[in-house]
């Protein structure tokens, strides 16, 4: 068999094995021929098929726990709570062959504190293709669910999207961004998928991961961080118990939150409410240094200081915490590097 026919056969079989979609019937003679050729091909190249197209197999979906730990330690700045909780939650969940429910994380804090960044870290260390994986699904409230009058339609669509993707790959990741802008009631449509059911309409969701990102609860988190600072205590002394219950209650009772009076919180289906603390000047500096490294630039401390100083901080007099986190560091750096 020539290289061209070999590649064509591999591709045909590969797409068949990597897809749950129905296949049109083929004649017996063709099927027998394909089977014979495939047997020889697999004998010579047993793992060849899974190198070309993403499949829901260990070759493509497997947690790099060490990589996640290193990313959280070296690239997520000022978030001792989030780093610890997320590492334990993700590694613990993925170590269980038969979890009783999917993993549900809700990340809270002001913009620029690292919520999206952490979601990307999880995806990059779980899927070979990272955020580009066909098993990673990101929903943005204002883009995917813009109109309040269409909530019932969105709810049905969301249910079908999740059911279809989990049917294709049980180890799917769903990221819901801008939960504070999501229309109340919409997220309740996926409540059965987050619960302790073994199956819902013949589909098990227990191996999936759901991550909610929200600015809601940010003011409560910032207030606790500021109280610790005013009392002369280190931010690293802040414990999850100082914030988790207060944040969950805050978002549950906020009419500006997609979690407003949701059964997902009421039924305790969120495994962890993860607080992201406001970043200090020293953390913004670290963000600038990291961005310079990513761009392949030498770390110039004068540039680092100039960018960090240009950010706005609160309280205004003390300038303790960055009110935008590291969100606009990239754009600020563009200005200083344009020459």
Foldseek 3Di string as FASTA:
>chain_A
DDPVVVVVLLVVVLVVVQDPDDDDDDDPVVVVVSVVVVVVVCVVPVCVSPPPDPHLDCVFFAAPLVQLLCCLVQPQPPAPQQSVVVSCQVVVLVVDPFFQFAAFEEEEAAAQNQQVVNQQSRQVRGGVVGCPDPQEAEAEQCPQPPDLVCLVVSLVVVVVVVQVSCVSHLAGEYEYEAQLQHQAPNVLSCLVRLDRDCDDVNGHNRNYYYYYYHHQQHVVQAVVQVVCVVVVHDPVPDHLVNRWVVRLVRQCCDNSGNNPVHVCVVVPSHPTHRYRHFDFLVRLLSVLQVVCVVVVHDDDVVLSVVLSVPFQAPPRVVRGGGNNHNNCSVVSSCVVPVD
